[in-house]
Amino acid sequence: GFGGGMLDLIMPTVLATAAGPALAGRVMGLMGIVIPLAPILGPILG
């Protein structure tokens, strides 16, 4: 749980930095969809 919690904090920053200023908004929008869906779809897929 600690590792997963850290991932939720670090991943958007890493992705926004990698995408650059022009695509940072799009990346954050996608993360806004993925982060809430992962705890729902993960156990179902498992």
All heavy atoms as atom14 arrays in JSON, in Angstrom:
{
  "sequence": "GFGGGMLDLIMPTVLATAAGPALAGRVMGLMGIVIPLAPILGPILG",
  "atom14_mask": [
    [1, 1, 1, 1, 0, 0, 0, 0, 0, 0, 0, 0, 0, 0],
    [1, 1, 1, 1, 1, 1, 1, 1, 1, 1, 1, 0, 0, 0],
    [1, 1, 1, 1, 0, 0, 0, 0, 0, 0, 0, 0, 0, 0],
    [1, 1, 1, 1, 0, 0, 0, 0, 0, 0, 0, 0, 0, 0],
    [1, 1, 1, 1, 0, 0, 0, 0, 0, 0, 0, 0, 0, 0],
    [1, 1, 1, 1, 1, 1, 1, 1, 0, 0, 0, 0, 0, 0],
    [1, 1, 1, 1, 1, 1, 1, 1, 0, 0, 0, 0, 0, 0],
    [1, 1, 1, 1, 1, 1, 1, 1, 0, 0, 0, 0, 0, 0],
    [1, 1, 1, 1, 1, 1, 1, 1, 0, 0, 0, 0, 0, 0],
    [1, 1, 1, 1, 1, 1, 1, 1, 0, 0, 0, 0, 0, 0],
    [1, 1, 1, 1, 1, 1, 1, 1, 0, 0, 0, 0, 0, 0],
    [1, 1, 1, 1, 1, 1, 1, 0, 0, 0, 0, 0, 0, 0],
    [1, 1, 1, 1, 1, 1, 1, 0, 0, 0, 0, 0, 0, 0],
    [1, 1, 1, 1, 1, 1, 1, 0, 0, 0, 0, 0, 0, 0],
    [1, 1, 1, 1, 1, 1, 1, 1, 0, 0, 0, 0, 0, 0],
    [1, 1, 1, 1, 1, 0, 0, 0, 0, 0, 0, 0, 0, 0],
    [1, 1, 1, 1, 1, 1, 1, 0, 0, 0, 0, 0, 0, 0],
    [1, 1, 1, 1, 1, 0, 0, 0, 0, 0, 0, 0, 0, 0],
    [1, 1, 1, 1, 1, 0, 0, 0, 0, 0, 0, 0, 0, 0],
    [1, 1, 1, 1, 0, 0, 0, 0, 0, 0, 0, 0, 0, 0],
    [1, 1, 1, 1, 1, 1, 1, 0, 0, 0, 0, 0, 0, 0],
    [1, 1, 1, 1, 1, 0, 0, 0, 0, 0, 0, 0, 0, 0],
    [1, 1, 1, 1, 1, 1, 1, 1, 0, 0, 0, 0, 0, 0],
    [1, 1, 1, 1, 1, 0, 0, 0, 0, 0, 0, 0, 0, 0],
    [1, 1, 1, 1, 0, 0, 0, 0, 0, 0, 0, 0, 0, 0],
    [1, 1, 1, 1, 1, 1, 1, 1, 1, 1, 1, 0, 0, 0],
    [1, 1, 1, 1, 1, 1, 1, 0, 0, 0, 0, 0, 0, 0],
    [1, 1, 1, 1, 1, 1, 1, 1, 0, 0, 0, 0, 0, 0],
    [1, 1, 1, 1, 0, 0, 0, 0, 0, 0, 0, 0, 0, 0],
    [1, 1, 1, 1, 1, 1, 1, 1, 0, 0, 0, 0, 0, 0],
    [1, 1, 1, 1, 1, 1, 1, 1, 0, 0, 0, 0, 0, 0],
    [1, 1, 1, 1, 0, 0, 0, 0, 0, 0, 0, 0, 0, 0],
    [1, 1, 1, 1, 1, 1, 1, 1, 0, 0, 0, 0, 0, 0],
    [1, 1, 1, 1, 1, 1, 1, 0, 0, 0, 0, 0, 0, 0],
    [1, 1, 1, 1, 1, 1, 1, 1, 0, 0, 0, 0, 0, 0],
    [1, 1, 1, 1, 1, 1, 1, 0, 0, 0, 0, 0, 0, 0],
    [1, 1, 1, 1, 1, 1, 1, 1, 0, 0, 0, 0, 0, 0],
    [1, 1, 1, 1, 1, 0, 0, 0, 0, 0, 0, 0, 0, 0],
    [1, 1, 1, 1, 1, 1, 1, 0, 0, 0, 0, 0, 0, 0],
    [1, 1, 1, 1, 1, 1, 1, 1, 0, 0, 0, 0, 0, 0],
    [1, 1, 1, 1, 1, 1, 1, 1, 0, 0, 0, 0, 0, 0],
    [1, 1, 1, 1, 0, 0, 0, 0, 0, 0, 0, 0, 0, 0],
    [1, 1, 1, 1, 1, 1, 1, 0, 0, 0, 0, 0, 0, 0],
    [1, 1, 1, 1, 1, 1, 1, 1, 0, 0, 0, 0, 0, 0],
    [1, 1, 1, 1, 1, 1, 1, 1, 0, 0, 0, 0, 0, 0],
    [1, 1, 1, 1, 0, 0, 0, 0, 0, 0, 0, 0, 0, 0]
  ],
  "atom14_positions": [
    [[0.81, -1.21, 0.0], [0.0, 0.0, 0.0], [0.85, 1.26, 0.0], [0.52, 2.25, -0.66], [0.0, 0.0, 0.0], [0.0, 0.0, 0.0], [0.0, 0.0, 0.0], [0.0, 0.0, 0.0], [0.0, 0.0, 0.0], [0.0, 0.0, 0.0], [0.0, 0.0, 0.0], [0.0, 0.0, 0.0], [0.0, 0.0, 0.0], [0.0, 0.0, 0.0]],
    [[1.94, 1.23, 0.73], [2.86, 2.38, 0.75], [3.43, 2.62, -0.64], [3.47, 3.75, -1.13], [3.98, 2.15, 1.76], [4.94, 3.29, 1.85], [4.58, 4.45, 2.51], [6.19, 3.2, 1.28], [5.47, 5.51, 2.59], [7.08, 4.24, 1.36], [6.73, 5.41, 2.02], [0.0, 0.0, 0.0], [0.0, 0.0, 0.0], [0.0, 0.0, 0.0]],
    [[3.85, 1.55, -1.3], [4.39, 1.69, -2.66], [3.36, 2.2, -3.64], [3.64, 3.07, -4.47], [0.0, 0.0, 0.0], [0.0, 0.0, 0.0], [0.0, 0.0, 0.0], [0.0, 0.0, 0.0], [0.0, 0.0, 0.0], [0.0, 0.0, 0.0], [0.0, 0.0, 0.0], [0.0, 0.0, 0.0], [0.0, 0.0, 0.0], [0.0, 0.0, 0.0]],
    [[2.14, 1.71, -3.54], [1.07, 2.18, -4.41], [0.71, 3.63, -4.15], [0.45, 4.4, -5.09], [0.0, 0.0, 0.0], [0.0, 0.0, 0.0], [0.0, 0.0, 0.0], [0.0, 0.0, 0.0], [0.0, 0.0, 0.0], [0.0, 0.0, 0.0], [0.0, 0.0, 0.0], [0.0, 0.0, 0.0], [0.0, 0.0, 0.0], [0.0, 0.0, 0.0]],
    [[0.72, 4.02, -2.88], [0.44, 5.42, -2.55], [1.51, 6.36, -3.08], [1.2, 7.45, -3.55], [0.0, 0.0, 0.0], [0.0, 0.0, 0.0], [0.0, 0.0, 0.0], [0.0, 0.0, 0.0], [0.0, 0.0, 0.0], [0.0, 0.0, 0.0], [0.0, 0.0, 0.0], [0.0, 0.0, 0.0], [0.0, 0.0, 0.0], [0.0, 0.0, 0.0]],
    [[2.75, 5.94, -3.01], [3.83, 6.76, -3.55], [3.73, 6.87, -5.07], [4.02, 7.91, -5.64], [5.19, 6.17, -3.15], [5.48, 6.25, -1.67], [5.42, 7.91, -1.0], [6.83, 8.63, -1.79], [0.0, 0.0, 0.0], [0.0, 0.0, 0.0], [0.0, 0.0, 0.0], [0.0, 0.0, 0.0], [0.0, 0.0, 0.0], [0.0, 0.0, 0.0]],
    [[3.32, 5.8, -5.7], [3.17, 5.81, -7.15], [2.12, 6.82, -7.57], [2.3, 7.54, -8.56], [2.8, 4.41, -7.64], [2.75, 4.2, -9.14], [4.13, 4.39, -9.74], [2.25, 2.82, -9.45], [0.0, 0.0, 0.0], [0.0, 0.0, 0.0], [0.0, 0.0, 0.0], [0.0, 0.0, 0.0], [0.0, 0.0, 0.0], [0.0, 0.0, 0.0]],
    [[1.01, 6.91, -6.83], [-0.04, 7.87, -7.16], [0.46, 9.31, -7.05], [-0.04, 10.19, -7.76], [-1.24, 7.68, -6.23], [-2.1, 6.5, -6.63], [-1.91, 5.98, -7.73], [-2.97, 6.12, -5.82], [0.0, 0.0, 0.0], [0.0, 0.0, 0.0], [0.0, 0.0, 0.0], [0.0, 0.0, 0.0], [0.0, 0.0, 0.0], [0.0, 0.0, 0.0]],
    [[1.42, 9.56, -6.18], [1.95, 10.91, -6.03], [3.02, 11.24, -7.06], [3.1, 12.37, -7.54], [2.55, 11.08, -4.62], [1.57, 10.97, -3.46], [2.33, 11.0, -2.14], [0.55, 12.08, -3.52], [0.0, 0.0, 0.0], [0.0, 0.0, 0.0], [0.0, 0.0, 0.0], [0.0, 0.0, 0.0], [0.0, 0.0, 0.0], [0.0, 0.0, 0.0]],
    [[3.85, 10.29, -7.38], [5.01, 10.55, -8.23], [4.67, 10.47, -9.73], [5.17, 11.26, -10.53], [6.14, 9.56, -7.89], [6.63, 9.82, -6.47], [7.28, 9.66, -8.88], [7.58, 8.78, -5.95], [0.0, 0.0, 0.0], [0.0, 0.0, 0.0], [0.0, 0.0, 0.0], [0.0, 0.0, 0.0], [0.0, 0.0, 0.0], [0.0, 0.0, 0.0]],
    [[3.81, 9.55, -10.11], [3.57, 9.3, -11.54], [3.06, 10.52, -12.3], [3.55, 10.8, -13.4], [2.63, 8.11, -11.71], [2.52, 7.65, -13.15], [4.1, 7.3, -13.96], [4.68, 5.93, -13.02], [0.0, 0.0, 0.0], [0.0, 0.0, 0.0], [0.0, 0.0, 0.0], [0.0, 0.0, 0.0], [0.0, 0.0, 0.0], [0.0, 0.0, 0.0]],
    [[2.07, 11.28, -11.81], [1.63, 12.46, -12.59], [2.76, 13.47, -12.83], [2.85, 14.05, -13.91], [0.51, 13.06, -11.75], [0.02, 11.95, -10.91], [1.21, 11.08, -10.64], [0.0, 0.0, 0.0], [0.0, 0.0, 0.0], [0.0, 0.0, 0.0], [0.0, 0.0, 0.0], [0.0, 0.0, 0.0], [0.0, 0.0, 0.0], [0.0, 0.0, 0.0]],
    [[3.62, 13.66, -11.85], [4.73, 14.59, -12.0], [5.7, 14.1, -13.06], [6.15, 14.87, -13.92], [5.47, 14.76, -10.66], [4.52, 15.17, -9.67], [6.58, 15.77, -10.76], [0.0, 0.0, 0.0], [0.0, 0.0, 0.0], [0.0, 0.0, 0.0], [0.0, 0.0, 0.0], [0.0, 0.0, 0.0], [0.0, 0.0, 0.0], [0.0, 0.0, 0.0]],
    [[6.02, 12.82, -13.03], [6.94, 12.25, -14.01], [6.35, 12.35, -15.42], [7.03, 12.74, -16.37], [7.27, 10.79, -13.66], [8.04, 10.11, -14.77], [8.05, 10.73, -12.36], [0.0, 0.0, 0.0], [0.0, 0.0, 0.0], [0.0, 0.0, 0.0], [0.0, 0.0, 0.0], [0.0, 0.0, 0.0], [0.0, 0.0, 0.0], [0.0, 0.0, 0.0]],
    [[5.07, 12.01, -15.55], [4.44, 12.06, -16.87], [4.32, 13.48, -17.41], [4.55, 13.72, -18.6], [3.05, 11.41, -16.81], [3.04, 9.9, -16.65], [1.62, 9.39, -16.48], [3.7, 9.22, -17.82], [0.0, 0.0, 0.0], [0.0, 0.0, 0.0], [0.0, 0.0, 0.0], [0.0, 0.0, 0.0], [0.0, 0.0, 0.0], [0.0, 0.0, 0.0]],
    [[3.95, 14.43, -16.56], [3.85, 15.82, -17.01], [5.2, 16.36, -17.43], [5.31, 17.09, -18.42], [3.24, 16.68, -15.9], [0.0, 0.0, 0.0], [0.0, 0.0, 0.0], [0.0, 0.0, 0.0], [0.0, 0.0, 0.0], [0.0, 0.0, 0.0], [0.0, 0.0, 0.0], [0.0, 0.0, 0.0], [0.0, 0.0, 0.0], [0.0, 0.0, 0.0]],
    [[6.24, 16.01, -16.7], [7.59, 16.45, -17.05], [8.03, 15.83, -18.38], [8.59, 16.52, -19.23], [8.59, 16.07, -15.95], [8.16, 16.66, -14.72], [9.99, 16.55, -16.27], [0.0, 0.0, 0.0], [0.0, 0.0, 0.0], [0.0, 0.0, 0.0], [0.0, 0.0, 0.0], [0.0, 0.0, 0.0], [0.0, 0.0, 0.0], [0.0, 0.0, 0.0]],
    [[7.73, 14.55, -18.57], [8.11, 13.88, -19.81], [7.33, 14.4, -21.0], [7.86, 14.5, -22.11], [7.91, 12.38, -19.67], [0.0, 0.0, 0.0], [0.0, 0.0, 0.0], [0.0, 0.0, 0.0], [0.0, 0.0, 0.0], [0.0, 0.0, 0.0], [0.0, 0.0, 0.0], [0.0, 0.0, 0.0], [0.0, 0.0, 0.0], [0.0, 0.0, 0.0]],
    [[6.06, 14.77, -20.79], [5.22, 15.25, -21.89], [5.6, 16.66, -22.31], [5.41, 17.04, -23.46], [3.76, 15.21, -21.48], [0.0, 0.0, 0.0], [0.0, 0.0, 0.0], [0.0, 0.0, 0.0], [0.0, 0.0, 0.0], [0.0, 0.0, 0.0], [0.0, 0.0, 0.0], [0.0, 0.0, 0.0], [0.0, 0.0, 0.0], [0.0, 0.0, 0.0]],
    [[6.11, 17.46, -21.39], [6.47, 18.83, -21.7], [5.28, 19.77, -21.5], [4.14, 19.34, -21.31], [0.0, 0.0, 0.0], [0.0, 0.0, 0.0], [0.0, 0.0, 0.0], [0.0, 0.0, 0.0], [0.0, 0.0, 0.0], [0.0, 0.0, 0.0], [0.0, 0.0, 0.0], [0.0, 0.0, 0.0], [0.0, 0.0, 0.0], [0.0, 0.0, 0.0]],
    [[5.54, 21.07, -21.56], [4.5, 22.04, -21.27], [3.31, 21.99, -22.24], [2.18, 22.24, -21.86], [5.21, 23.39, -21.39], [6.67, 23.1, -21.32], [6.84, 21.68, -21.77], [0.0, 0.0, 0.0], [0.0, 0.0, 0.0], [0.0, 0.0, 0.0], [0.0, 0.0, 0.0], [0.0, 0.0, 0.0], [0.0, 0.0, 0.0], [0.0, 0.0, 0.0]],
    [[3.55, 21.67, -23.48], [2.47, 21.68, -24.47], [1.45, 20.57, -24.23], [0.26, 20.76, -24.5], [3.07, 21.55, -25.87], [0.0, 0.0, 0.0], [0.0, 0.0, 0.0], [0.0, 0.0, 0.0], [0.0, 0.0, 0.0], [0.0, 0.0, 0.0], [0.0, 0.0, 0.0], [0.0, 0.0, 0.0], [0.0, 0.0, 0.0], [0.0, 0.0, 0.0]],
    [[1.88, 19.43, -23.75], [0.98, 18.28, -23.57], [0.67, 17.97, -22.11], [-0.02, 16.99, -21.84], [1.59, 17.04, -24.23], [1.76, 17.11, -25.74], [2.48, 15.87, -26.25], [0.42, 17.26, -26.43], [0.0, 0.0, 0.0], [0.0, 0.0, 0.0], [0.0, 0.0, 0.0], [0.0, 0.0, 0.0], [0.0, 0.0, 0.0], [0.0, 0.0, 0.0]],
    [[1.15, 18.79, -21.19], [0.95, 18.51, -19.77], [-0.52, 18.45, -19.4], [-0.95, 17.6, -18.62], [1.68, 19.54, -18.92], [0.0, 0.0, 0.0], [0.0, 0.0, 0.0], [0.0, 0.0, 0.0], [0.0, 0.0, 0.0], [0.0, 0.0, 0.0], [0.0, 0.0, 0.0], [0.0, 0.0, 0.0], [0.0, 0.0, 0.0], [0.0, 0.0, 0.0]],
    [[-1.34, 19.33, -19.95], [-2.76, 19.33, -19.65], [-3.45, 18.07, -20.11], [-4.29, 17.5, -19.4], [0.0, 0.0, 0.0], [0.0, 0.0, 0.0], [0.0, 0.0, 0.0], [0.0, 0.0, 0.0], [0.0, 0.0, 0.0], [0.0, 0.0, 0.0], [0.0, 0.0, 0.0], [0.0, 0.0, 0.0], [0.0, 0.0, 0.0], [0.0, 0.0, 0.0]],
    [[-3.1, 17.6, -21.28], [-3.69, 16.36, -21.82], [-3.3, 15.16, -20.95], [-4.11, 14.29, -20.65], [-3.25, 16.15, -23.26], [-3.87, 14.91, -23.88], [-3.52, 14.78, -25.32], [-4.22, 15.81, -26.07], [-4.07, 16.04, -27.36], [-3.22, 15.32, -28.04], [-4.74, 16.98, -27.96], [0.0, 0.0, 0.0], [0.0, 0.0, 0.0], [0.0, 0.0, 0.0]],
    [[-2.04, 15.12, -20.56], [-1.56, 14.02, -19.71], [-2.28, 14.04, -18.37], [-2.71, 13.0, -17.86], [-0.03, 14.11, -19.52], [0.45, 13.17, -18.44], [0.68, 13.82, -20.82], [0.0, 0.0, 0.0], [0.0, 0.0, 0.0], [0.0, 0.0, 0.0], [0.0, 0.0, 0.0], [0.0, 0.0, 0.0], [0.0, 0.0, 0.0], [0.0, 0.0, 0.0]],
    [[-2.44, 15.21, -17.77], [-3.14, 15.29, -16.48], [-4.6, 14.89, -16.63], [-5.17, 14.26, -15.73], [-3.05, 16.71, -15.92], [-1.68, 17.04, -15.45], [-1.14, 15.81, -14.27], [0.33, 16.48, -13.7], [0.0, 0.0, 0.0], [0.0, 0.0, 0.0], [0.0, 0.0, 0.0], [0.0, 0.0, 0.0], [0.0, 0.0, 0.0], [0.0, 0.0, 0.0]],
    [[-5.22, 15.22, -17.76], [-6.59, 14.79, -18.0], [-6.71, 13.27, -18.09], [-7.63, 12.67, -17.53], [0.0, 0.0, 0.0], [0.0, 0.0, 0.0], [0.0, 0.0, 0.0], [0.0, 0.0, 0.0], [0.0, 0.0, 0.0], [0.0, 0.0, 0.0], [0.0, 0.0, 0.0], [0.0, 0.0, 0.0], [0.0, 0.0, 0.0], [0.0, 0.0, 0.0]],
    [[-5.77, 12.64, -18.76], [-5.77, 11.18, -18.85], [-5.54, 10.54, -17.49], [-6.17, 9.54, -17.14], [-4.72, 10.71, -19.84], [-5.04, 10.94, -21.31], [-3.83, 10.6, -22.18], [-6.24, 10.13, -21.73], [0.0, 0.0, 0.0], [0.0, 0.0, 0.0], [0.0, 0.0, 0.0], [0.0, 0.0, 0.0], [0.0, 0.0, 0.0], [0.0, 0.0, 0.0]],
    [[-4.65, 11.12, -16.7], [-4.4, 10.58, -15.36], [-5.62, 10.75, -14.47], [-5.88, 9.94, -13.59], [-3.18, 11.27, -14.72], [-1.87, 10.89, -15.36], [-1.57, 9.11, -15.41], [-1.44, 8.74, -13.69], [0.0, 0.0, 0.0], [0.0, 0.0, 0.0], [0.0, 0.0, 0.0], [0.0, 0.0, 0.0], [0.0, 0.0, 0.0], [0.0, 0.0, 0.0]],
    [[-6.4, 11.8, -14.72], [-7.63, 12.01, -13.97], [-8.66, 10.94, -14.25], [-9.58, 10.71, -13.45], [0.0, 0.0, 0.0], [0.0, 0.0, 0.0], [0.0, 0.0, 0.0], [0.0, 0.0, 0.0], [0.0, 0.0, 0.0], [0.0, 0.0, 0.0], [0.0, 0.0, 0.0], [0.0, 0.0, 0.0], [0.0, 0.0, 0.0], [0.0, 0.0, 0.0]],
    [[-8.53, 10.27, -15.38], [-9.43, 9.16, -15.71], [-8.86, 7.84, -15.2], [-9.57, 7.02, -14.62], [-9.64, 9.07, -17.25], [-10.37, 10.32, -17.73], [-10.39, 7.82, -17.63], [-10.41, 10.46, -19.23], [0.0, 0.0, 0.0], [0.0, 0.0, 0.0], [0.0, 0.0, 0.0], [0.0, 0.0, 0.0], [0.0, 0.0, 0.0], [0.0, 0.0, 0.0]],
    [[-7.58, 7.63, -15.39], [-6.95, 6.35, -15.06], [-6.9, 6.09, -13.56], [-7.21, 4.99, -13.09], [-5.53, 6.28, -15.67], [-4.78, 5.06, -15.18], [-5.61, 6.3, -17.18], [0.0, 0.0, 0.0], [0.0, 0.0, 0.0], [0.0, 0.0, 0.0], [0.0, 0.0, 0.0], [0.0, 0.0, 0.0], [0.0, 0.0, 0.0], [0.0, 0.0, 0.0]],
    [[-6.51, 7.09, -12.78], [-6.32, 6.88, -11.34], [-7.61, 6.44, -10.64], [-7.58, 5.51, -9.85], [-5.68, 8.12, -10.68], [-4.22, 8.21, -11.12], [-5.77, 8.06, -9.17], [-3.49, 9.44, -10.63], [0.0, 0.0, 0.0], [0.0, 0.0, 0.0], [0.0, 0.0, 0.0], [0.0, 0.0, 0.0], [0.0, 0.0, 0.0], [0.0, 0.0, 0.0]],
    [[-8.77, 7.05, -10.92], [-9.99, 6.56, -10.26], [-10.46, 5.19, -10.77], [-11.09, 4.43, -10.04], [-11.05, 7.62, -10.55], [-10.33, 8.8, -11.05], [-9.03, 8.32, -11.6], [0.0, 0.0, 0.0], [0.0, 0.0, 0.0], [0.0, 0.0, 0.0], [0.0, 0.0, 0.0], [0.0, 0.0, 0.0], [0.0, 0.0, 0.0], [0.0, 0.0, 0.0]],
    [[-10.18, 4.87, -12.03], [-10.65, 3.61, -12.59], [-9.81, 2.41, -12.18], [-10.31, 1.29, -12.12], [-10.7, 3.69, -14.12], [-11.83, 4.52, -14.7], [-11.73, 4.53, -16.22], [-13.17, 4.0, -14.27], [0.0, 0.0, 0.0], [0.0, 0.0, 0.0], [0.0, 0.0, 0.0], [0.0, 0.0, 0.0], [0.0, 0.0, 0.0], [0.0, 0.0, 0.0]],
    [[-8.54, 2.62, -11.89], [-7.65, 1.5, -11.56], [-8.12, 0.7, -10.35], [-8.14, -0.53, -10.41], [-6.23, 2.01, -11.38], [0.0, 0.0, 0.0], [0.0, 0.0, 0.0], [0.0, 0.0, 0.0], [0.0, 0.0, 0.0], [0.0, 0.0, 0.0], [0.0, 0.0, 0.0], [0.0, 0.0, 0.0], [0.0, 0.0, 0.0], [0.0, 0.0, 0.0]],
    [[-8.52, 1.33, -9.23], [-8.98, 0.52, -8.1], [-10.29, -0.21, -8.37], [-10.61, -1.19, -7.7], [-9.17, 1.54, -6.97], [-8.48, 2.76, -7.39], [-8.4, 2.74, -8.87], [0.0, 0.0, 0.0], [0.0, 0.0, 0.0], [0.0, 0.0, 0.0], [0.0, 0.0, 0.0], [0.0, 0.0, 0.0], [0.0, 0.0, 0.0], [0.0, 0.0, 0.0]],
    [[-11.05, 0.25, -9.34], [-12.31, -0.41, -9.68], [-12.05, -1.58, -10.63], [-12.52, -2.7, -10.41], [-13.29, 0.59, -10.32], [-13.65, 1.69, -9.32], [-14.53, -0.12, -10.82], [-14.35, 2.87, -9.93], [0.0, 0.0, 0.0], [0.0, 0.0, 0.0], [0.0, 0.0, 0.0], [0.0, 0.0, 0.0], [0.0, 0.0, 0.0], [0.0, 0.0, 0.0]],
    [[-11.29, -1.31, -11.68], [-11.08, -2.33, -12.71], [-10.0, -3.35, -12.34], [-10.05, -4.49, -12.82], [-10.73, -1.66, -14.03], [-11.81, -0.76, -14.62], [-11.32, -0.12, -15.91], [-13.1, -1.52, -14.85], [0.0, 0.0, 0.0], [0.0, 0.0, 0.0], [0.0, 0.0, 0.0], [0.0, 0.0, 0.0], [0.0, 0.0, 0.0], [0.0, 0.0, 0.0]],
    [[-9.05, -2.97, -11.49], [-7.97, -3.88, -11.11], [-8.46, -5.17, -10.45], [-8.12, -6.27, -10.9], [0.0, 0.0, 0.0], [0.0, 0.0, 0.0], [0.0, 0.0, 0.0], [0.0, 0.0, 0.0], [0.0, 0.0, 0.0], [0.0, 0.0, 0.0], [0.0, 0.0, 0.0], [0.0, 0.0, 0.0], [0.0, 0.0, 0.0], [0.0, 0.0, 0.0]],
    [[-9.28, -5.07, -9.4], [-9.78, -6.3, -8.78], [-10.68, -7.13, -9.71], [-10.64, -8.36, -9.66], [-10.58, -5.8, -7.58], [-9.99, -4.49, -7.26], [-9.59, -3.9, -8.57], [0.0, 0.0, 0.0], [0.0, 0.0, 0.0], [0.0, 0.0, 0.0], [0.0, 0.0, 0.0], [0.0, 0.0, 0.0], [0.0, 0.0, 0.0], [0.0, 0.0, 0.0]],
    [[-11.42, -6.46, -10.55], [-12.27, -7.2, -11.5], [-11.4, -7.98, -12.48], [-11.61, -9.17, -12.71], [-13.21, -6.23, -12.25], [-14.21, -5.62, -11.27], [-13.93, -6.95, -13.39], [-15.03, -4.5, -11.85], [0.0, 0.0, 0.0], [0.0, 0.0, 0.0], [0.0, 0.0, 0.0], [0.0, 0.0, 0.0], [0.0, 0.0, 0.0], [0.0, 0.0, 0.0]],
    [[-10.4, -7.31, -13.04], [-9.5, -7.99, -13.97], [-8.72, -9.1, -13.28], [-8.54, -10.19, -13.82], [-8.53, -6.98, -14.59], [-7.55, -7.51, -15.61], [-8.28, -8.15, -16.79], [-6.63, -6.42, -16.09], [0.0, 0.0, 0.0], [0.0, 0.0, 0.0], [0.0, 0.0, 0.0], [0.0, 0.0, 0.0], [0.0, 0.0, 0.0], [0.0, 0.0, 0.0]],
    [[-8.29, -8.85, -12.04], [-7.6, -9.89, -11.28], [-8.48, -11.1, -11.05], [-8.03, -12.25, -11.14], [0.0, 0.0, 0.0], [0.0, 0.0, 0.0], [0.0, 0.0, 0.0], [0.0, 0.0, 0.0], [0.0, 0.0, 0.0], [0.0, 0.0, 0.0], [0.0, 0.0, 0.0], [0.0, 0.0, 0.0], [0.0, 0.0, 0.0], [0.0, 0.0, 0.0]]
  ]
}
